C-alpha atoms as a PDB file:
ATOM      1  CA  MET A   1       0.000   0.000   0.000  1.00  0.00           C
ATOM      2  CA  THR A   2       1.322   3.460  -0.874  1.00  0.00           C
ATOM      3  CA  ASN A   3       0.565   6.963   0.338  1.00  0.00           C
ATOM      4  CA  PRO A   4      -2.522   8.470  -1.331  1.00  0.00           C
ATOM      5  CA  VAL A   5      -0.644  11.380  -2.925  1.00  0.00           C
ATOM      6  CA  GLY A   6       1.832  10.349  -5.595  1.00  0.00           C
ATOM      7  CA  TRP A   7       2.561  13.699  -7.272  1.00  0.00           C
ATOM      8  CA  PHE A   8       1.520  17.334  -7.149  1.00  0.00           C
ATOM      9  CA  GLU A   9       1.705  20.299  -9.481  1.00  0.00           C
ATOM     10  CA  ILE A  10       1.494  23.959  -8.522  1.00  0.00           C
ATOM     11  CA  TYR A  11       0.493  26.131 -11.465  1.00  0.00           C
ATOM     12  CA  VAL A  12       2.268  29.471 -11.856  1.00  0.00           C
ATOM     13  CA  GLN A  13       2.292  32.457 -14.207  1.00  0.00           C
ATOM     14  CA  ASP A  14       5.858  33.717 -13.629  1.00  0.00           C
ATOM     15  CA  MET A  15       8.230  30.736 -13.375  1.00  0.00           C
ATOM     16  CA  ALA A  16      11.310  32.756 -12.383  1.00  0.00           C
ATOM     17  CA  ARG A  17       9.441  34.444  -9.544  1.00  0.00           C
ATOM     18  CA  ALA A  18       7.799  31.194  -8.383  1.00  0.00           C
ATOM     19  CA  THR A  19      11.043  29.195  -8.529  1.00  0.00           C
ATOM     20  CA  ALA A  20      12.834  31.882  -6.514  1.00  0.00           C
ATOM     21  CA  PHE A  21      10.019  31.825  -3.924  1.00  0.00           C
ATOM     22  CA  TYR A  22      10.101  28.043  -3.356  1.00  0.00           C
ATOM     23  CA  GLU A  23      13.898  27.813  -3.424  1.00  0.00           C
ATOM     24  CA  THR A  24      14.086  30.591  -0.825  1.00  0.00           C
ATOM     25  CA  VAL A  25      11.398  29.206   1.473  1.00  0.00           C
ATOM     26  CA  PHE A  26      12.593  25.588   1.453  1.00  0.00           C
ATOM     27  CA  LEU A  27      16.342  26.174   0.874  1.00  0.00           C
ATOM     28  CA  ALA A  28      16.271  23.711  -2.017  1.00  0.00           C
ATOM     29  CA  ARG A  29      17.162  23.779  -5.700  1.00  0.00           C
ATOM     30  CA  LEU A  30      14.427  22.998  -8.189  1.00  0.00           C
ATOM     31  CA  GLU A  31      15.380  21.233 -11.413  1.00  0.00           C
ATOM     32  CA  ARG A  32      14.093  22.108 -14.890  1.00  0.00           C
ATOM     33  CA  VAL A  33      12.328  19.295 -16.760  1.00  0.00           C
ATOM     34  CA  ASP A  34      12.970  19.150 -20.487  1.00  0.00           C
ATOM     35  CA  ALA A  35       9.375  19.093 -21.745  1.00  0.00           C
ATOM     36  CA  PRO A  36       8.438  20.571 -25.137  1.00  0.00           C
ATOM     37  CA  ASP A  37       4.978  21.956 -24.356  1.00  0.00           C
ATOM     38  CA  ILE A  38       5.208  23.121 -20.741  1.00  0.00           C
ATOM     39  CA  ASP A  39       7.617  24.899 -18.431  1.00  0.00           C
ATOM     40  CA  MET A  40       8.153  22.553 -15.462  1.00  0.00           C
ATOM     41  CA  TRP A  41      10.562  22.638 -12.506  1.00  0.00           C
ATOM     42  CA  THR A  42      10.588  19.715 -10.044  1.00  0.00           C
ATOM     43  CA  PHE A  43      11.175  19.719  -6.328  1.00  0.00           C
ATOM     44  CA  PRO A  44      14.050  17.560  -5.024  1.00  0.00           C
ATOM     45  CA  THR A  45      13.197  13.860  -4.964  1.00  0.00           C
ATOM     46  CA  GLN A  46      14.389  11.151  -2.588  1.00  0.00           C
ATOM     47  CA  SER A  47      13.299   7.774  -3.917  1.00  0.00           C
ATOM     48  CA  GLU A  48      13.618   6.156  -0.483  1.00  0.00           C
ATOM     49  CA  GLY A  49      12.012   9.056   1.389  1.00  0.00           C
ATOM     50  CA  TYR A  50       8.517   9.382   2.810  1.00  0.00           C
ATOM     51  CA  GLY A  51       5.914  11.469   1.000  1.00  0.00           C
ATOM     52  CA  ALA A  52       5.349  12.701  -2.540  1.00  0.00           C
ATOM     53  CA  THR A  53       7.192  15.101  -4.782  1.00  0.00           C
ATOM     54  CA  GLY A  54       5.936  17.395  -7.492  1.00  0.00           C
ATOM     55  CA  ALA A  55       6.643  20.390  -9.679  1.00  0.00           C
ATOM     56  CA  LEU A  56       5.922  24.003 -10.495  1.00  0.00           C
ATOM     57  CA  VAL A  57       4.202  24.163 -13.899  1.00  0.00           C
ATOM     58  CA  ARG A  58       3.500  26.989 -16.324  1.00  0.00           C
ATOM     59  CA  THR A  59       1.262  25.916 -19.186  1.00  0.00           C
ATOM     60  CA  PRO A  60      -1.064  27.856 -21.478  1.00  0.00           C
ATOM     61  CA  GLY A  61      -4.685  27.907 -20.382  1.00  0.00           C
ATOM     62  CA  VAL A  62      -4.079  26.896 -16.759  1.00  0.00           C
ATOM     63  CA  GLY A  63      -3.948  29.763 -14.285  1.00  0.00           C
ATOM     64  CA  SER A  64      -2.541  30.023 -10.797  1.00  0.00           C
ATOM     65  CA  GLY A  65      -4.234  30.894  -7.516  1.00  0.00           C
ATOM     66  CA  GLY A  66      -7.731  30.234  -6.312  1.00  0.00           C
ATOM     67  CA  ASN A  67      -7.282  26.476  -6.290  1.00  0.00           C
ATOM     68  CA  SER A  68      -9.178  24.253  -3.910  1.00  0.00           C
ATOM     69  CA  VAL A  69      -6.481  21.617  -3.277  1.00  0.00           C
ATOM     70  CA  LEU A  70      -4.039  22.294  -0.447  1.00  0.00           C
ATOM     71  CA  VAL A  71      -0.571  20.741  -0.646  1.00  0.00           C
ATOM     72  CA  TYR A  72       1.262  20.458   2.685  1.00  0.00           C
ATOM     73  CA  PHE A  73       5.064  20.632   2.739  1.00  0.00           C
ATOM     74  CA  SER A  74       6.866  18.852   5.583  1.00  0.00           C
ATOM     75  CA  CYS A  75       9.056  21.149   7.694  1.00  0.00           C
ATOM     76  CA  GLN A  76      11.229  20.930  10.808  1.00  0.00           C
ATOM     77  CA  ASP A  77       9.396  23.948  12.301  1.00  0.00           C
ATOM     78  CA  CYS A  78       6.672  25.368  10.061  1.00  0.00           C
ATOM     79  CA  ALA A  79       7.010  28.827  11.647  1.00  0.00           C
ATOM     80  CA  VAL A  80      10.486  29.135  10.081  1.00  0.00           C
ATOM     81  CA  GLU A  81       9.250  28.420   6.546  1.00  0.00           C
ATOM     82  CA  ALA A  82       6.237  30.692   7.089  1.00  0.00           C
ATOM     83  CA  GLY A  83       8.643  33.513   7.925  1.00  0.00           C
ATOM     84  CA  ARG A  84      10.695  32.780   4.829  1.00  0.00           C
ATOM     85  CA  ALA A  85       7.503  32.746   2.733  1.00  0.00           C
ATOM     86  CA  ALA A  86       6.603  36.268   3.845  1.00  0.00           C
ATOM     87  CA  ALA A  87      10.151  37.481   3.181  1.00  0.00           C
ATOM     88  CA  ALA A  88      10.186  35.866  -0.286  1.00  0.00           C
ATOM     89  CA  GLY A  89       7.123  37.699  -1.615  1.00  0.00           C
ATOM     90  CA  GLY A  90       4.381  35.478  -0.222  1.00  0.00           C
ATOM     91  CA  LYS A  91       1.918  36.084   2.581  1.00  0.00           C
ATOM     92  CA  VAL A  92       1.211  34.288   5.853  1.00  0.00           C
ATOM     93  CA  LEU A  93      -2.510  33.495   5.872  1.00  0.00           C
ATOM     94  CA  LYS A  94      -2.511  31.624   9.203  1.00  0.00           C
ATOM     95  CA  ASP A  95       0.429  31.567  11.599  1.00  0.00           C
ATOM     96  CA  LYS A  96       1.654  28.290  13.064  1.00  0.00           C
ATOM     97  CA  PHE A  97      -0.944  26.587  15.250  1.00  0.00           C
ATOM     98  CA  SER A  98      -1.362  23.234  16.962  1.00  0.00           C
ATOM     99  CA  ILE A  99      -3.310  20.361  15.479  1.00  0.00           C
ATOM    100  CA  GLY A 100      -2.891  18.311  18.658  1.00  0.00           C
ATOM    101  CA  ARG A 101      -0.909  15.101  18.525  1.00  0.00           C
ATOM    102  CA  TYR A 102      -0.482  15.573  14.764  1.00  0.00           C
ATOM    103  CA  GLY A 103       1.862  18.528  15.207  1.00  0.00           C
ATOM    104  CA  HIS A 104       1.508  22.060  13.873  1.00  0.00           C
ATOM    105  CA  ILE A 105       0.547  23.744  10.618  1.00  0.00           C
ATOM    106  CA  ALA A 106       0.764  27.173   9.027  1.00  0.00           C
ATOM    107  CA  ILE A 107      -0.948  28.349   5.846  1.00  0.00           C
ATOM    108  CA  VAL A 108       0.755  30.703   3.382  1.00  0.00           C
ATOM    109  CA  ALA A 109       0.181  32.133  -0.085  1.00  0.00           C
ATOM    110  CA  ASP A 110       3.050  31.828  -2.542  1.00  0.00           C
ATOM    111  CA  SER A 111       4.274  34.512  -4.936  1.00  0.00           C
ATOM    112  CA  GLU A 112       1.663  33.396  -7.515  1.00  0.00           C
ATOM    113  CA  GLY A 113      -1.392  33.505  -5.233  1.00  0.00           C
ATOM    114  CA  ASN A 114      -1.512  29.745  -4.586  1.00  0.00           C
ATOM    115  CA  THR A 115      -2.283  28.631  -1.037  1.00  0.00           C
ATOM    116  CA  ILE A 116       0.053  26.000   0.435  1.00  0.00           C
ATOM    117  CA  GLY A 117       0.271  24.355   3.839  1.00  0.00           C
ATOM    118  CA  LEU A 118       3.323  23.880   6.042  1.00  0.00           C
ATOM    119  CA  HIS A 119       3.412  20.991   8.543  1.00  0.00           C
ATOM    120  CA  SER A 120       5.822  20.162  11.346  1.00  0.00           C
ATOM    121  CA  MET A 121       5.743  18.013  14.458  1.00  0.00           C
ATOM    122  CA  GLU A 122       7.439  20.771  16.511  1.00  0.00           C
END
């Protein structure tokens, strides 16, 4: 049995701005995918790691923001990444708060208007 999420895509309008935002918030390098019809940059992947990976995508006819699916990124302390999100051109929508024995979450908007979640056990 596998985890229910196998892949995610976050649609963007300005790939340079969005890539800079996610690389700054998560201190990670995204990698360009050589695809002829779309502009896609993937998040780092660990084949033996827990969870799913995904990509930023810019494709004609698919806008960013206003989506109803919330992707949660795993963090050591979600308050740290929330602070980085605000400094990188995003916005903190809900500061870190407890979800009981399941840890803590924060909700932020990225540089493209997409809402993402941050989760940590601390």
